[in-house]
Amino acid sequence: MKKKNFISTAKNVIDLEIKSLNKLKNSLNVSFNLAVEKIVNCQSKVVLCGVGKSGLIANKIAATLSSVGTPSFYLSAGNSSHGDLGSLTKKDILILISYSGQTNELKNIIQYANRNKILLIGIMAKKESILYKASDIKLLIPEVTESGGIVPTSSTTVQLALGDALAIATMKQKKFDRIDFKKIHPAGSLGAQLKTVEDIMLTGKKIPFVNENFKMMDALKILSNKKLGILIVQDKKKNTKGIITDGQIRRFNQKNLNLQGIKVKKVMTKNPISIDKDALAAKALSIMNAKKITSLCVFNKKNKYKTIGVVHVHTILQSNIS
């Protein structure tokens, strides 16, 4: 039996979807701006609803909006007529998605939104449709050619892309950044890579501070007790002046130099490498690898001269950060 090559079919599907996306890009207008402004200023929730494949897209867009700081949820079109309309409030924004705009299951939802003056954003392709006429903000998507002639493919790709565009535009307007993103994505590898130095640094009594005028015999006791392999040297104003590592101490001992009576400031390395508490932990690891060191002093950008924490390479690796 001769093997068939389906790559040409795949390319045709992708070509149709690319053409559809280009049509969508060229069709964007002021209605998109208005939709973003309303979503940004929403004082409650953004509710998305659709039927069939459009419903699956609505569910995904709701998840994307929630993940970037806009509380959203998916409303089942089927269940909405059996009590779930009660989950909608007048402060919500309702986004209905239907390629034809004529889907029967959406009619009760449209009527409920209009009757209760709930802002309705419609995503549809037909100007003569019920959804187009009833929507407060009309996001008209282009009419497209579906792959195979009947299967929702190009149309759902366009709906998804428009939803992603709304989510990202809203995110940027809200200035939702990686720190905000980390707060609602604490689990998994993504959450790990978004951890900041502040999340994993050692603080308080765990930091091996020592005064610059201490004798090394006293400083070595602190080094032994804290078990970090470093000492953070401070002046009397608690400003960080230097760092001492166990590697430095070993090198002194190899030279048969007596450390016991030497002052800490004579041994320390001045101006230790440090990092802002809000920097990504992955950046801290990169600096350590490049400089071939195991620890970094952590500062708050309000005062770069005071150490508020220490981040150690072992802590970073234990947090699954790479």
C-alpha atoms as a PDB file:
ATOM      1  CA  MET A   1       0.000   0.000   0.000  1.00  0.00           C
ATOM      2  CA  LYS A   2       1.404   3.321  -1.085  1.00  0.00           C
ATOM      3  CA  LYS A   3       2.116   5.744   1.752  1.00  0.00           C
ATOM      4  CA  LYS A   4       0.273   9.057   1.545  1.00  0.00           C
ATOM      5  CA  ASN A   5       1.862  12.408   2.240  1.00  0.00           C
ATOM      6  CA  PHE A   6      -0.434  14.700   4.216  1.00  0.00           C
ATOM      7  CA  ILE A   7       1.960  17.637   4.441  1.00  0.00           C
ATOM      8  CA  SER A   8       0.291  19.460   1.539  1.00  0.00           C
ATOM      9  CA  THR A   9      -3.032  19.297   3.397  1.00  0.00           C
ATOM     10  CA  ALA A  10      -1.388  20.632   6.553  1.00  0.00           C
ATOM     11  CA  LYS A  11       0.195  23.502   4.635  1.00  0.00           C
ATOM     12  CA  ASN A  12      -3.152  24.377   3.078  1.00  0.00           C
ATOM     13  CA  VAL A  13      -4.801  24.529   6.512  1.00  0.00           C
ATOM     14  CA  ILE A  14      -2.028  26.750   7.846  1.00  0.00           C
ATOM     15  CA  ASP A  15      -2.099  28.995   4.751  1.00  0.00           C
ATOM     16  CA  LEU A  16      -5.843  29.534   5.175  1.00  0.00           C
ATOM     17  CA  GLU A  17      -5.369  30.451   8.831  1.00  0.00           C
ATOM     18  CA  ILE A  18      -2.506  32.844   8.024  1.00  0.00           C
ATOM     19  CA  LYS A  19      -4.696  34.583   5.440  1.00  0.00           C
ATOM     20  CA  SER A  20      -7.482  34.820   8.008  1.00  0.00           C
ATOM     21  CA  LEU A  21      -5.158  36.337  10.598  1.00  0.00           C
ATOM     22  CA  ASN A  22      -3.934  38.913   8.086  1.00  0.00           C
ATOM     23  CA  LYS A  23      -7.536  39.852   7.363  1.00  0.00           C
ATOM     24  CA  LEU A  24      -8.159  40.215  11.098  1.00  0.00           C
ATOM     25  CA  LYS A  25      -5.066  42.405  11.529  1.00  0.00           C
ATOM     26  CA  ASN A  26      -6.220  44.739   8.773  1.00  0.00           C
ATOM     27  CA  SER A  27      -9.782  44.914  10.137  1.00  0.00           C
ATOM     28  CA  LEU A  28      -8.938  46.241  13.618  1.00  0.00           C
ATOM     29  CA  ASN A  29     -10.464  49.655  14.354  1.00  0.00           C
ATOM     30  CA  VAL A  30     -11.443  51.998  17.180  1.00  0.00           C
ATOM     31  CA  SER A  31     -13.877  49.424  18.554  1.00  0.00           C
ATOM     32  CA  PHE A  32     -10.875  47.390  19.702  1.00  0.00           C
ATOM     33  CA  ASN A  33      -9.506  50.403  21.603  1.00  0.00           C
ATOM     34  CA  LEU A  34     -12.880  50.966  23.245  1.00  0.00           C
ATOM     35  CA  ALA A  35     -13.141  47.307  24.271  1.00  0.00           C
ATOM     36  CA  VAL A  36      -9.707  47.417  25.895  1.00  0.00           C
ATOM     37  CA  GLU A  37     -10.550  50.620  27.789  1.00  0.00           C
ATOM     38  CA  LYS A  38     -13.754  49.091  29.144  1.00  0.00           C
ATOM     39  CA  ILE A  39     -11.987  45.891  30.229  1.00  0.00           C
ATOM     40  CA  VAL A  40      -9.185  47.848  31.912  1.00  0.00           C
ATOM     41  CA  ASN A  41     -11.710  49.931  33.867  1.00  0.00           C
ATOM     42  CA  CYS A  42     -14.021  47.028  34.740  1.00  0.00           C
ATOM     43  CA  GLN A  43     -14.796  47.094  38.479  1.00  0.00           C
ATOM     44  CA  SER A  44     -16.002  43.513  38.563  1.00  0.00           C
ATOM     45  CA  LYS A  45     -15.506  40.481  36.300  1.00  0.00           C
ATOM     46  CA  VAL A  46     -15.209  39.847  32.581  1.00  0.00           C
ATOM     47  CA  VAL A  47     -17.509  36.991  31.584  1.00  0.00           C
ATOM     48  CA  LEU A  48     -17.008  35.123  28.314  1.00  0.00           C
ATOM     49  CA  CYS A  49     -19.480  32.891  26.564  1.00  0.00           C
ATOM     50  CA  GLY A  50     -19.807  31.065  23.266  1.00  0.00           C
ATOM     51  CA  VAL A  51     -21.317  27.913  21.807  1.00  0.00           C
ATOM     52  CA  GLY A  52     -19.514  24.872  20.471  1.00  0.00           C
ATOM     53  CA  LYS A  53     -15.975  25.584  19.268  1.00  0.00           C
ATOM     54  CA  SER A  54     -16.501  29.292  20.002  1.00  0.00           C
ATOM     55  CA  GLY A  55     -17.291  28.285  23.573  1.00  0.00           C
ATOM     56  CA  LEU A  56     -13.935  26.523  23.849  1.00  0.00           C
ATOM     57  CA  ILE A  57     -12.238  29.679  22.594  1.00  0.00           C
ATOM     58  CA  ALA A  58     -14.218  31.780  25.102  1.00  0.00           C
ATOM     59  CA  ASN A  59     -13.025  29.499  27.900  1.00  0.00           C
ATOM     60  CA  LYS A  60      -9.402  29.912  26.837  1.00  0.00           C
ATOM     61  CA  ILE A  61      -9.665  33.706  26.566  1.00  0.00           C
ATOM     62  CA  ALA A  62     -11.191  33.864  30.067  1.00  0.00           C
ATOM     63  CA  ALA A  63      -8.247  31.858  31.396  1.00  0.00           C
ATOM     64  CA  THR A  64      -5.756  34.141  29.632  1.00  0.00           C
ATOM     65  CA  LEU A  65      -7.366  37.316  30.949  1.00  0.00           C
ATOM     66  CA  SER A  66      -7.387  35.938  34.499  1.00  0.00           C
ATOM     67  CA  SER A  67      -3.732  34.955  34.212  1.00  0.00           C
ATOM     68  CA  VAL A  68      -2.708  38.524  33.407  1.00  0.00           C
ATOM     69  CA  GLY A  69      -4.647  40.264  36.148  1.00  0.00           C
ATOM     70  CA  THR A  70      -8.204  40.666  34.822  1.00  0.00           C
ATOM     71  CA  PRO A  71     -10.624  38.466  36.818  1.00  0.00           C
ATOM     72  CA  SER A  72     -12.610  36.505  34.252  1.00  0.00           C
ATOM     73  CA  PHE A  73     -14.612  33.314  33.936  1.00  0.00           C
ATOM     74  CA  TYR A  74     -16.373  31.242  31.316  1.00  0.00           C
ATOM     75  CA  LEU A  75     -20.171  31.045  31.315  1.00  0.00           C
ATOM     76  CA  SER A  76     -21.714  27.951  29.745  1.00  0.00           C
ATOM     77  CA  ALA A  77     -24.304  28.984  27.169  1.00  0.00           C
ATOM     78  CA  GLY A  78     -26.348  25.855  27.864  1.00  0.00           C
ATOM     79  CA  ASN A  79     -26.397  26.298  31.640  1.00  0.00           C
ATOM     80  CA  SER A  80     -27.000  30.041  31.506  1.00  0.00           C
ATOM     81  CA  SER A  81     -30.680  29.541  30.670  1.00  0.00           C
ATOM     82  CA  HIS A  82     -31.057  27.219  33.658  1.00  0.00           C
ATOM     83  CA  GLY A  83     -29.944  29.533  36.442  1.00  0.00           C
ATOM     84  CA  ASP A  84     -26.336  30.465  35.647  1.00  0.00           C
ATOM     85  CA  LEU A  85     -27.381  33.907  34.405  1.00  0.00           C
ATOM     86  CA  GLY A  86     -27.527  34.692  38.107  1.00  0.00           C
ATOM     87  CA  SER A  87     -23.729  34.802  38.129  1.00  0.00           C
ATOM     88  CA  LEU A  88     -23.817  38.003  36.057  1.00  0.00           C
ATOM     89  CA  THR A  89     -23.956  41.417  37.734  1.00  0.00           C
ATOM     90  CA  LYS A  90     -24.457  44.899  36.337  1.00  0.00           C
ATOM     91  CA  LYS A  91     -20.816  45.750  36.956  1.00  0.00           C
ATOM     92  CA  ASP A  92     -19.594  42.845  34.843  1.00  0.00           C
ATOM     93  CA  ILE A  93     -18.581  42.949  31.198  1.00  0.00           C
ATOM     94  CA  LEU A  94     -20.012  40.198  29.000  1.00  0.00           C
ATOM     95  CA  ILE A  95     -18.127  39.071  25.911  1.00  0.00           C
ATOM     96  CA  LEU A  96     -20.147  36.837  23.574  1.00  0.00           C
ATOM     97  CA  ILE A  97     -18.407  34.993  20.745  1.00  0.00           C
ATOM     98  CA  SER A  98     -20.264  33.603  17.738  1.00  0.00           C
ATOM     99  CA  TYR A  99     -19.004  33.500  14.164  1.00  0.00           C
ATOM    100  CA  SER A 100     -22.509  33.797  12.707  1.00  0.00           C
ATOM    101  CA  GLY A 101     -23.867  35.930  15.551  1.00  0.00           C
ATOM    102  CA  GLN A 102     -27.149  34.071  15.182  1.00  0.00           C
ATOM    103  CA  THR A 103     -26.621  31.129  17.548  1.00  0.00           C
ATOM    104  CA  ASN A 104     -29.940  30.363  19.264  1.00  0.00           C
ATOM    105  CA  GLU A 105     -28.352  29.454  22.597  1.00  0.00           C
ATOM    106  CA  LEU A 106     -27.026  33.013  22.945  1.00  0.00           C
ATOM    107  CA  LYS A 107     -30.376  34.770  22.517  1.00  0.00           C
ATOM    108  CA  ASN A 108     -31.454  34.459  26.164  1.00  0.00           C
ATOM    109  CA  ILE A 109     -28.056  35.720  27.312  1.00  0.00           C
ATOM    110  CA  ILE A 110     -28.215  38.700  24.937  1.00  0.00           C
ATOM    111  CA  GLN A 111     -31.694  39.610  26.166  1.00  0.00           C
ATOM    112  CA  TYR A 112     -30.642  39.310  29.803  1.00  0.00           C
ATOM    113  CA  ALA A 113     -27.592  41.530  29.269  1.00  0.00           C
ATOM    114  CA  ASN A 114     -29.567  44.193  27.407  1.00  0.00           C
ATOM    115  CA  ARG A 115     -32.399  44.141  29.942  1.00  0.00           C
ATOM    116  CA  ASN A 116     -30.007  44.547  32.891  1.00  0.00           C
ATOM    117  CA  LYS A 117     -27.726  47.036  31.152  1.00  0.00           C
ATOM    118  CA  ILE A 118     -24.689  44.758  31.341  1.00  0.00           C
ATOM    119  CA  LEU A 119     -22.013  45.959  28.917  1.00  0.00           C
ATOM    120  CA  LEU A 120     -21.989  43.541  25.990  1.00  0.00           C
ATOM    121  CA  ILE A 121     -18.980  43.118  23.731  1.00  0.00           C
ATOM    122  CA  GLY A 122     -19.839  41.001  20.715  1.00  0.00           C
ATOM    123  CA  ILE A 123     -17.329  39.122  18.541  1.00  0.00           C
ATOM    124  CA  MET A 124     -18.962  38.060  15.310  1.00  0.00           C
ATOM    125  CA  ALA A 125     -18.542  38.086  11.518  1.00  0.00           C
ATOM    126  CA  LYS A 126     -22.061  39.004  10.357  1.00  0.00           C
ATOM    127  CA  LYS A 127     -23.310  42.582  10.476  1.00  0.00           C
ATOM    128  CA  GLU A 128     -26.923  41.535  10.038  1.00  0.00           C
ATOM    129  CA  SER A 129     -26.785  39.194  13.030  1.00  0.00           C
ATOM    130  CA  ILE A 130     -28.636  39.519  16.328  1.00  0.00           C
ATOM    131  CA  LEU A 131     -25.363  39.691  18.244  1.00  0.00           C
ATOM    132  CA  TYR A 132     -24.033  42.543  16.121  1.00  0.00           C
ATOM    133  CA  LYS A 133     -27.196  44.598  16.562  1.00  0.00           C
ATOM    134  CA  ALA A 134     -27.418  43.959  20.309  1.00  0.00           C
ATOM    135  CA  SER A 135     -23.754  44.576  21.212  1.00  0.00           C
ATOM    136  CA  ASP A 136     -22.621  47.791  22.896  1.00  0.00           C
ATOM    137  CA  ILE A 137     -19.155  47.284  21.424  1.00  0.00           C
ATOM    138  CA  LYS A 138     -18.990  45.417  18.125  1.00  0.00           C
ATOM    139  CA  LEU A 139     -15.758  43.558  17.320  1.00  0.00           C
ATOM    140  CA  LEU A 140     -16.457  42.489  13.774  1.00  0.00           C
ATOM    141  CA  ILE A 141     -14.115  39.739  12.644  1.00  0.00           C
ATOM    142  CA  PRO A 142     -13.581  38.996   8.935  1.00  0.00           C
ATOM    143  CA  GLU A 143     -15.459  36.281   7.104  1.00  0.00           C
ATOM    144  CA  VAL A 144     -12.992  33.495   6.425  1.00  0.00           C
ATOM    145  CA  THR A 145     -12.613  30.221   4.560  1.00  0.00           C
ATOM    146  CA  GLU A 146     -12.722  27.191   6.833  1.00  0.00           C
ATOM    147  CA  SER A 147     -10.407  24.255   6.209  1.00  0.00           C
ATOM    148  CA  GLY A 148     -12.286  21.401   4.586  1.00  0.00           C
ATOM    149  CA  GLY A 149     -15.099  23.855   3.897  1.00  0.00           C
ATOM    150  CA  ILE A 150     -17.119  23.020   7.023  1.00  0.00           C
ATOM    151  CA  VAL A 151     -14.935  22.646  10.109  1.00  0.00           C
ATOM    152  CA  PRO A 152     -14.457  25.720  12.368  1.00  0.00           C
ATOM    153  CA  THR A 153     -10.720  26.252  11.973  1.00  0.00           C
ATOM    154  CA  SER A 154      -9.882  29.609  10.442  1.00  0.00           C
ATOM    155  CA  SER A 155     -12.768  31.239  12.326  1.00  0.00           C
ATOM    156  CA  THR A 156     -11.688  29.907  15.728  1.00  0.00           C
ATOM    157  CA  THR A 157      -8.069  30.865  15.030  1.00  0.00           C
ATOM    158  CA  VAL A 158      -9.226  34.430  14.388  1.00  0.00           C
ATOM    159  CA  GLN A 159     -11.360  34.448  17.546  1.00  0.00           C
ATOM    160  CA  LEU A 160      -8.470  33.174  19.640  1.00  0.00           C
ATOM    161  CA  ALA A 161      -6.021  35.710  18.198  1.00  0.00           C
ATOM    162  CA  LEU A 162      -8.441  38.554  18.892  1.00  0.00           C
ATOM    163  CA  GLY A 163      -8.888  37.335  22.468  1.00  0.00           C
ATOM    164  CA  ASP A 164      -5.121  37.156  22.958  1.00  0.00           C
ATOM    165  CA  ALA A 165      -4.795  40.677  21.567  1.00  0.00           C
ATOM    166  CA  LEU A 166      -7.409  41.962  24.027  1.00  0.00           C
ATOM    167  CA  ALA A 167      -5.648  40.252  26.933  1.00  0.00           C
ATOM    168  CA  ILE A 168      -2.174  41.543  26.108  1.00  0.00           C
ATOM    169  CA  ALA A 169      -3.366  45.085  25.364  1.00  0.00           C
ATOM    170  CA  THR A 170      -5.210  45.092  28.690  1.00  0.00           C
ATOM    171  CA  MET A 171      -2.164  43.714  30.494  1.00  0.00           C
ATOM    172  CA  LYS A 172       0.089  46.422  29.087  1.00  0.00           C
ATOM    173  CA  GLN A 173      -2.365  49.204  29.921  1.00  0.00           C
ATOM    174  CA  LYS A 174      -2.618  47.932  33.506  1.00  0.00           C
ATOM    175  CA  LYS A 175       1.199  47.734  33.670  1.00  0.00           C
ATOM    176  CA  PHE A 176       0.866  44.132  34.810  1.00  0.00           C
ATOM    177  CA  ASP A 177       4.503  42.991  34.980  1.00  0.00           C
ATOM    178  CA  ARG A 178       6.499  39.845  35.754  1.00  0.00           C
ATOM    179  CA  ILE A 179       6.243  40.471  39.511  1.00  0.00           C
ATOM    180  CA  ASP A 180       2.447  40.559  39.283  1.00  0.00           C
ATOM    181  CA  PHE A 181       2.538  37.517  37.010  1.00  0.00           C
ATOM    182  CA  LYS A 182       4.594  35.565  39.550  1.00  0.00           C
ATOM    183  CA  LYS A 183       2.069  36.228  42.318  1.00  0.00           C
ATOM    184  CA  ILE A 184      -0.692  34.351  40.491  1.00  0.00           C
ATOM    185  CA  HIS A 185       1.577  31.711  38.931  1.00  0.00           C
ATOM    186  CA  PRO A 186       3.379  30.347  42.010  1.00  0.00           C
ATOM    187  CA  ALA A 187       3.496  26.700  40.933  1.00  0.00           C
ATOM    188  CA  GLY A 188       5.325  24.784  38.236  1.00  0.00           C
ATOM    189  CA  SER A 189       8.468  25.573  36.300  1.00  0.00           C
ATOM    190  CA  LEU A 190       7.125  28.944  35.172  1.00  0.00           C
ATOM    191  CA  GLY A 191       6.563  30.023  38.765  1.00  0.00           C
ATOM    192  CA  ALA A 192      10.074  28.896  39.668  1.00  0.00           C
ATOM    193  CA  GLN A 193      11.679  30.882  36.864  1.00  0.00           C
ATOM    194  CA  LEU A 194       9.764  33.995  37.928  1.00  0.00           C
ATOM    195  CA  LYS A 195      10.923  33.873  41.543  1.00  0.00           C
ATOM    196  CA  THR A 196      12.796  36.951  42.650  1.00  0.00           C
ATOM    197  CA  VAL A 197      15.883  37.192  44.802  1.00  0.00           C
ATOM    198  CA  GLU A 198      13.697  38.410  47.676  1.00  0.00           C
ATOM    199  CA  ASP A 199      11.692  35.173  47.539  1.00  0.00           C
ATOM    200  CA  ILE A 200      14.680  32.976  48.357  1.00  0.00           C
ATOM    201  CA  MET A 201      17.252  35.170  50.128  1.00  0.00           C
ATOM    202  CA  LEU A 202      18.410  34.617  53.705  1.00  0.00           C
ATOM    203  CA  THR A 203      17.548  37.469  56.062  1.00  0.00           C
ATOM    204  CA  GLY A 204      17.861  38.672  59.633  1.00  0.00           C
ATOM    205  CA  LYS A 205      20.018  36.634  61.993  1.00  0.00           C
ATOM    206  CA  LYS A 206      20.887  34.182  59.224  1.00  0.00           C
ATOM    207  CA  ILE A 207      23.113  36.809  57.568  1.00  0.00           C
ATOM    208  CA  PRO A 208      26.756  36.494  58.737  1.00  0.00           C
ATOM    209  CA  PHE A 209      27.426  40.166  59.509  1.00  0.00           C
ATOM    210  CA  VAL A 210      30.716  41.224  61.069  1.00  0.00           C
ATOM    211  CA  ASN A 211      32.135  44.659  61.919  1.00  0.00           C
ATOM    212  CA  GLU A 212      35.151  45.790  59.887  1.00  0.00           C
ATOM    213  CA  ASN A 213      37.194  46.422  63.043  1.00  0.00           C
ATOM    214  CA  PHE A 214      36.677  42.962  64.505  1.00  0.00           C
ATOM    215  CA  LYS A 215      39.697  40.753  64.929  1.00  0.00           C
ATOM    216  CA  MET A 216      39.679  37.755  62.613  1.00  0.00           C
ATOM    217  CA  MET A 217      39.705  35.380  65.581  1.00  0.00           C
ATOM    218  CA  ASP A 218      36.192  36.636  66.479  1.00  0.00           C
ATOM    219  CA  ALA A 219      35.049  36.794  62.875  1.00  0.00           C
ATOM    220  CA  LEU A 220      35.994  33.155  62.279  1.00  0.00           C
ATOM    221  CA  LYS A 221      33.627  32.083  65.066  1.00  0.00           C
ATOM    222  CA  ILE A 222      30.758  33.837  63.256  1.00  0.00           C
ATOM    223  CA  LEU A 223      31.827  32.221  59.984  1.00  0.00           C
ATOM    224  CA  SER A 224      31.699  28.808  61.631  1.00  0.00           C
ATOM    225  CA  ASN A 225      28.323  29.392  63.301  1.00  0.00           C
ATOM    226  CA  LYS A 226      26.495  30.751  60.240  1.00  0.00           C
ATOM    227  CA  LYS A 227      27.805  27.982  57.953  1.00  0.00           C
ATOM    228  CA  LEU A 228      27.466  29.976  54.736  1.00  0.00           C
ATOM    229  CA  GLY A 229      31.161  30.155  53.892  1.00  0.00           C
ATOM    230  CA  ILE A 230      31.117  33.960  53.826  1.00  0.00           C
ATOM    231  CA  LEU A 231      31.168  37.018  56.084  1.00  0.00           C
ATOM    232  CA  ILE A 232      29.488  40.322  55.178  1.00  0.00           C
ATOM    233  CA  VAL A 233      31.614  43.169  56.511  1.00  0.00           C
ATOM    234  CA  GLN A 234      29.921  46.336  57.778  1.00  0.00           C
ATOM    235  CA  ASP A 235      31.048  49.670  59.179  1.00  0.00           C
ATOM    236  CA  LYS A 236      29.541  51.215  62.298  1.00  0.00           C
ATOM    237  CA  LYS A 237      26.679  52.703  60.223  1.00  0.00           C
ATOM    238  CA  LYS A 238      25.755  49.198  59.003  1.00  0.00           C
ATOM    239  CA  ASN A 239      26.870  49.988  55.459  1.00  0.00           C
ATOM    240  CA  THR A 240      28.364  47.043  53.603  1.00  0.00           C
ATOM    241  CA  LYS A 241      32.093  47.497  53.070  1.00  0.00           C
ATOM    242  CA  GLY A 242      33.282  44.099  51.918  1.00  0.00           C
ATOM    243  CA  ILE A 243      33.079  40.322  51.984  1.00  0.00           C
ATOM    244  CA  ILE A 244      35.280  37.514  53.259  1.00  0.00           C
ATOM    245  CA  THR A 245      34.988  33.994  51.856  1.00  0.00           C
ATOM    246  CA  ASP A 246      36.301  30.760  53.240  1.00  0.00           C
ATOM    247  CA  GLY A 247      38.373  30.551  50.061  1.00  0.00           C
ATOM    248  CA  GLN A 248      40.221  33.726  51.026  1.00  0.00           C
ATOM    249  CA  ILE A 249      40.867  32.336  54.485  1.00  0.00           C
ATOM    250  CA  ARG A 250      42.256  29.093  53.068  1.00  0.00           C
ATOM    251  CA  ARG A 251      44.625  31.068  50.857  1.00  0.00           C
ATOM    252  CA  PHE A 252      45.850  33.058  53.883  1.00  0.00           C
ATOM    253  CA  ASN A 253      46.450  29.830  55.784  1.00  0.00           C
ATOM    254  CA  GLN A 254      48.353  28.320  52.850  1.00  0.00           C
ATOM    255  CA  LYS A 255      50.718  31.268  53.049  1.00  0.00           C
ATOM    256  CA  ASN A 256      51.218  30.516  56.744  1.00  0.00           C
ATOM    257  CA  LEU A 257      49.894  33.931  57.709  1.00  0.00           C
ATOM    258  CA  ASN A 258      48.482  34.253  61.210  1.00  0.00           C
ATOM    259  CA  LEU A 259      44.930  35.596  60.853  1.00  0.00           C
ATOM    260  CA  GLN A 260      43.997  35.655  64.511  1.00  0.00           C
ATOM    261  CA  GLY A 261      45.076  39.191  65.312  1.00  0.00           C
ATOM    262  CA  ILE A 262      44.404  40.837  61.934  1.00  0.00           C
ATOM    263  CA  LYS A 263      41.440  43.164  61.590  1.00  0.00           C
ATOM    264  CA  VAL A 264      38.629  42.056  59.296  1.00  0.00           C
ATOM    265  CA  LYS A 265      39.013  45.079  57.002  1.00  0.00           C
ATOM    266  CA  LYS A 266      42.584  44.021  56.202  1.00  0.00           C
ATOM    267  CA  VAL A 267      41.365  40.674  54.868  1.00  0.00           C
ATOM    268  CA  MET A 268      38.054  41.503  53.168  1.00  0.00           C
ATOM    269  CA  THR A 269      37.425  42.037  49.471  1.00  0.00           C
ATOM    270  CA  LYS A 270      35.998  45.522  49.083  1.00  0.00           C
ATOM    271  CA  ASN A 271      32.762  46.368  47.226  1.00  0.00           C
ATOM    272  CA  PRO A 272      31.257  42.875  47.048  1.00  0.00           C
ATOM    273  CA  ILE A 273      29.051  41.959  44.089  1.00  0.00           C
ATOM    274  CA  SER A 274      25.429  42.588  44.979  1.00  0.00           C
ATOM    275  CA  ILE A 275      21.967  42.395  43.423  1.00  0.00           C
ATOM    276  CA  ASP A 276      18.589  44.106  43.837  1.00  0.00           C
ATOM    277  CA  LYS A 277      15.974  42.174  45.805  1.00  0.00           C
ATOM    278  CA  ASP A 278      13.493  42.513  42.911  1.00  0.00           C
ATOM    279  CA  ALA A 279      15.817  40.917  40.350  1.00  0.00           C
ATOM    280  CA  LEU A 280      14.954  37.446  39.101  1.00  0.00           C
ATOM    281  CA  ALA A 281      16.666  34.637  40.985  1.00  0.00           C
ATOM    282  CA  ALA A 282      17.700  33.273  37.574  1.00  0.00           C
ATOM    283  CA  LYS A 283      19.679  36.486  37.018  1.00  0.00           C
ATOM    284  CA  ALA A 284      21.428  35.999  40.369  1.00  0.00           C
ATOM    285  CA  LEU A 285      22.441  32.477  39.315  1.00  0.00           C
ATOM    286  CA  SER A 286      23.767  33.803  36.011  1.00  0.00           C
ATOM    287  CA  ILE A 287      25.934  36.385  37.830  1.00  0.00           C
ATOM    288  CA  MET A 288      27.296  33.752  40.201  1.00  0.00           C
ATOM    289  CA  ASN A 289      28.185  31.431  37.334  1.00  0.00           C
ATOM    290  CA  ALA A 290      29.894  34.233  35.410  1.00  0.00           C
ATOM    291  CA  LYS A 291      31.857  35.494  38.426  1.00  0.00           C
ATOM    292  CA  LYS A 292      32.515  31.980  39.806  1.00  0.00           C
ATOM    293  CA  ILE A 293      31.133  32.873  43.238  1.00  0.00           C
ATOM    294  CA  THR A 294      28.589  31.167  45.488  1.00  0.00           C
ATOM    295  CA  SER A 295      26.823  34.082  47.190  1.00  0.00           C
ATOM    296  CA  LEU A 296      25.544  37.589  46.490  1.00  0.00           C
ATOM    297  CA  CYS A 297      24.696  40.439  48.823  1.00  0.00           C
ATOM    298  CA  VAL A 298      21.126  41.660  48.341  1.00  0.00           C
ATOM    299  CA  PHE A 299      20.114  45.308  48.584  1.00  0.00           C
ATOM    300  CA  ASN A 300      16.977  47.384  48.311  1.00  0.00           C
ATOM    301  CA  LYS A 301      17.291  49.946  45.522  1.00  0.00           C
ATOM    302  CA  LYS A 302      16.432  52.661  48.049  1.00  0.00           C
ATOM    303  CA  ASN A 303      19.853  52.064  49.619  1.00  0.00           C
ATOM    304  CA  LYS A 304      22.471  50.091  47.703  1.00  0.00           C
ATOM    305  CA  TYR A 305      24.968  50.314  50.556  1.00  0.00           C
ATOM    306  CA  LYS A 306      22.997  48.258  53.071  1.00  0.00           C
ATOM    307  CA  THR A 307      22.752  44.492  52.749  1.00  0.00           C
ATOM    308  CA  ILE A 308      19.245  43.217  53.567  1.00  0.00           C
ATOM    309  CA  GLY A 309      19.807  39.610  52.540  1.00  0.00           C
ATOM    310  CA  VAL A 310      22.135  37.003  51.120  1.00  0.00           C
ATOM    311  CA  VAL A 311      21.323  34.687  48.241  1.00  0.00           C
ATOM    312  CA  HIS A 312      23.305  31.457  48.008  1.00  0.00           C
ATOM    313  CA  VAL A 313      23.722  29.298  44.926  1.00  0.00           C
ATOM    314  CA  HIS A 314      22.495  26.191  46.786  1.00  0.00           C
ATOM    315  CA  THR A 315      19.220  27.922  47.678  1.00  0.00           C
ATOM    316  CA  ILE A 316      18.668  28.850  44.041  1.00  0.00           C
ATOM    317  CA  LEU A 317      19.326  25.330  42.798  1.00  0.00           C
ATOM    318  CA  GLN A 318      17.072  23.843  45.478  1.00  0.00           C
ATOM    319  CA  SER A 319      14.293  26.077  44.134  1.00  0.00           C
ATOM    320  CA  ASN A 320      14.615  24.400  40.685  1.00  0.00           C
ATOM    321  CA  ILE A 321      15.817  27.632  39.114  1.00  0.00           C
ATOM    322  CA  SER A 322      18.209  27.315  36.201  1.00  0.00           C
END
